[in-house]
N, C-alpha and C. Protein backbone atom coordinates (compact mmCIF):
# COMPACT_ATOMS: atom_id res chain seq x y z
N UNK A 1 -0.28 -41.04 -10.35
CA UNK A 1 -0.33 -39.60 -10.34
C UNK A 1 -1.24 -39.15 -11.48
N UNK A 2 -2.15 -38.23 -11.15
CA UNK A 2 -3.09 -37.77 -12.17
C UNK A 2 -2.47 -36.81 -13.17
N UNK A 3 -1.61 -35.93 -12.68
CA UNK A 3 -0.99 -34.93 -13.54
C UNK A 3 0.49 -34.81 -13.22
N UNK A 4 1.24 -34.53 -14.22
CA UNK A 4 2.66 -34.23 -14.01
C UNK A 4 2.77 -32.79 -13.53
N UNK A 5 3.65 -32.57 -12.58
CA UNK A 5 3.82 -31.23 -12.05
C UNK A 5 4.24 -30.24 -13.13
N UNK A 6 5.09 -30.69 -14.02
CA UNK A 6 5.54 -29.79 -15.10
C UNK A 6 4.38 -29.36 -16.00
N UNK A 7 3.41 -30.27 -16.21
CA UNK A 7 2.24 -29.92 -17.01
C UNK A 7 1.42 -28.83 -16.33
N UNK A 8 1.30 -28.93 -15.03
CA UNK A 8 0.51 -27.95 -14.30
C UNK A 8 1.18 -26.58 -14.29
N UNK A 9 2.48 -26.57 -14.25
CA UNK A 9 3.21 -25.30 -14.26
C UNK A 9 3.01 -24.60 -15.60
N UNK A 10 3.03 -25.38 -16.66
CA UNK A 10 2.91 -24.81 -18.01
C UNK A 10 1.46 -24.45 -18.37
N UNK A 11 0.53 -25.27 -17.95
CA UNK A 11 -0.87 -25.10 -18.36
C UNK A 11 -1.69 -24.56 -17.18
N UNK A 12 -1.92 -23.26 -17.19
CA UNK A 12 -2.63 -22.64 -16.06
C UNK A 12 -4.09 -23.07 -16.00
N UNK A 13 -4.69 -23.36 -17.14
CA UNK A 13 -6.09 -23.81 -17.14
C UNK A 13 -6.20 -25.15 -16.42
N UNK A 14 -5.29 -26.06 -16.76
CA UNK A 14 -5.29 -27.38 -16.13
C UNK A 14 -5.01 -27.23 -14.63
N UNK A 15 -4.09 -26.35 -14.30
CA UNK A 15 -3.76 -26.09 -12.90
C UNK A 15 -4.99 -25.60 -12.14
N UNK A 16 -5.73 -24.69 -12.74
CA UNK A 16 -6.94 -24.17 -12.11
C UNK A 16 -7.99 -25.27 -11.93
N UNK A 17 -8.10 -26.14 -12.93
CA UNK A 17 -9.07 -27.23 -12.83
C UNK A 17 -8.70 -28.19 -11.71
N UNK A 18 -7.42 -28.50 -11.59
CA UNK A 18 -6.97 -29.41 -10.54
C UNK A 18 -7.23 -28.79 -9.17
N UNK A 19 -6.89 -27.52 -9.03
CA UNK A 19 -7.12 -26.83 -7.75
C UNK A 19 -8.60 -26.80 -7.42
N UNK A 20 -9.43 -26.55 -8.42
CA UNK A 20 -10.88 -26.52 -8.22
C UNK A 20 -11.39 -27.88 -7.76
N UNK A 21 -10.91 -28.94 -8.40
CA UNK A 21 -11.33 -30.29 -8.02
C UNK A 21 -10.86 -30.65 -6.61
N UNK A 22 -9.66 -30.25 -6.27
CA UNK A 22 -9.15 -30.51 -4.92
C UNK A 22 -9.99 -29.76 -3.89
N UNK A 23 -10.30 -28.50 -4.18
CA UNK A 23 -11.13 -27.72 -3.26
C UNK A 23 -12.52 -28.32 -3.11
N UNK A 24 -13.08 -28.82 -4.21
CA UNK A 24 -14.39 -29.46 -4.15
C UNK A 24 -14.32 -30.72 -3.30
N UNK A 25 -13.27 -31.50 -3.48
CA UNK A 25 -13.09 -32.71 -2.69
C UNK A 25 -12.98 -32.37 -1.20
N UNK A 26 -12.22 -31.35 -0.89
CA UNK A 26 -12.07 -30.92 0.51
C UNK A 26 -13.43 -30.50 1.07
N UNK A 27 -14.18 -29.71 0.31
CA UNK A 27 -15.49 -29.26 0.76
C UNK A 27 -16.43 -30.45 1.01
N UNK A 28 -16.49 -31.38 0.06
CA UNK A 28 -17.38 -32.53 0.21
C UNK A 28 -16.96 -33.41 1.38
N UNK A 29 -15.66 -33.56 1.57
CA UNK A 29 -15.16 -34.37 2.68
C UNK A 29 -15.52 -33.73 4.02
N UNK A 30 -15.33 -32.41 4.11
CA UNK A 30 -15.69 -31.71 5.35
C UNK A 30 -17.19 -31.79 5.61
N UNK A 31 -17.97 -31.68 4.56
CA UNK A 31 -19.43 -31.76 4.69
C UNK A 31 -19.84 -33.14 5.20
N UNK A 32 -19.26 -34.18 4.63
CA UNK A 32 -19.56 -35.55 5.05
C UNK A 32 -19.13 -35.77 6.49
N UNK A 33 -17.97 -35.22 6.86
CA UNK A 33 -17.49 -35.34 8.24
C UNK A 33 -18.47 -34.69 9.21
N UNK A 34 -18.95 -33.50 8.88
CA UNK A 34 -19.92 -32.81 9.74
C UNK A 34 -21.19 -33.63 9.90
N UNK A 35 -21.68 -34.18 8.79
CA UNK A 35 -22.89 -35.01 8.84
C UNK A 35 -22.67 -36.24 9.71
N UNK A 36 -21.53 -36.87 9.55
CA UNK A 36 -21.21 -38.07 10.32
C UNK A 36 -21.09 -37.74 11.80
N UNK A 37 -20.45 -36.63 12.12
CA UNK A 37 -20.32 -36.21 13.52
C UNK A 37 -21.69 -35.90 14.12
N UNK A 38 -22.57 -35.28 13.33
CA UNK A 38 -23.92 -34.97 13.81
C UNK A 38 -24.69 -36.27 14.10
N UNK A 39 -24.58 -37.25 13.20
CA UNK A 39 -25.24 -38.54 13.40
C UNK A 39 -24.70 -39.23 14.65
N UNK A 40 -23.39 -39.18 14.84
CA UNK A 40 -22.77 -39.80 16.00
C UNK A 40 -23.28 -39.16 17.29
N UNK A 41 -23.33 -37.83 17.32
CA UNK A 41 -23.84 -37.14 18.51
C UNK A 41 -25.28 -37.54 18.80
N UNK A 42 -26.10 -37.63 17.76
CA UNK A 42 -27.50 -38.01 17.94
C UNK A 42 -27.60 -39.43 18.50
N UNK A 43 -26.80 -40.35 17.98
CA UNK A 43 -26.82 -41.72 18.48
C UNK A 43 -26.34 -41.80 19.92
N UNK A 44 -25.32 -41.01 20.26
CA UNK A 44 -24.83 -40.99 21.63
C UNK A 44 -25.90 -40.44 22.58
N UNK A 45 -26.60 -39.40 22.16
CA UNK A 45 -27.67 -38.84 22.98
C UNK A 45 -28.80 -39.85 23.17
N UNK A 46 -29.15 -40.57 22.11
CA UNK A 46 -30.18 -41.60 22.21
C UNK A 46 -29.75 -42.69 23.18
N UNK A 47 -28.50 -43.10 23.10
CA UNK A 47 -27.98 -44.14 23.98
C UNK A 47 -27.99 -43.67 25.44
N UNK A 48 -27.60 -42.43 25.68
CA UNK A 48 -27.63 -41.89 27.04
C UNK A 48 -29.05 -41.85 27.58
N UNK A 49 -29.99 -41.45 26.74
CA UNK A 49 -31.40 -41.40 27.15
C UNK A 49 -31.91 -42.81 27.45
N UNK A 50 -31.54 -43.77 26.61
CA UNK A 50 -31.97 -45.16 26.83
C UNK A 50 -31.42 -45.68 28.14
N UNK A 51 -30.16 -45.40 28.42
CA UNK A 51 -29.55 -45.84 29.69
C UNK A 51 -30.22 -45.17 30.88
N UNK A 52 -30.52 -43.88 30.74
CA UNK A 52 -31.16 -43.15 31.82
C UNK A 52 -32.53 -43.77 32.13
N UNK A 53 -33.29 -44.08 31.08
CA UNK A 53 -34.60 -44.69 31.28
C UNK A 53 -34.48 -46.09 31.87
N UNK A 54 -33.47 -46.85 31.45
CA UNK A 54 -33.26 -48.18 32.03
C UNK A 54 -32.97 -48.08 33.52
N UNK A 55 -32.15 -47.11 33.90
CA UNK A 55 -31.83 -46.92 35.32
C UNK A 55 -33.08 -46.57 36.11
N UNK A 56 -33.93 -45.73 35.54
CA UNK A 56 -35.17 -45.36 36.24
C UNK A 56 -36.05 -46.58 36.44
N UNK A 57 -36.24 -47.39 35.40
CA UNK A 57 -37.12 -48.55 35.51
C UNK A 57 -36.51 -49.66 36.36
N UNK A 58 -35.20 -49.73 36.43
CA UNK A 58 -34.55 -50.73 37.29
C UNK A 58 -34.82 -50.44 38.76
N UNK A 59 -34.95 -49.18 39.09
CA UNK A 59 -35.15 -48.80 40.48
C UNK A 59 -36.57 -49.04 40.98
N UNK A 60 -37.49 -49.40 40.09
CA UNK A 60 -38.87 -49.68 40.52
C UNK A 60 -39.03 -51.10 40.90
């Protein structure tokens, strides 16, 4: 545990810092998730296009 709950109750500055760090972590995690999802969608689209082209060339 990084901080004791009783310390946070008593020390509002420390409490604010912890909340700020948690919020920053949440923001960065959500940002990374969005980037990862975007990359995944792009790879899926590339794979679908590759399969579509393979099907076209197979039919010749």
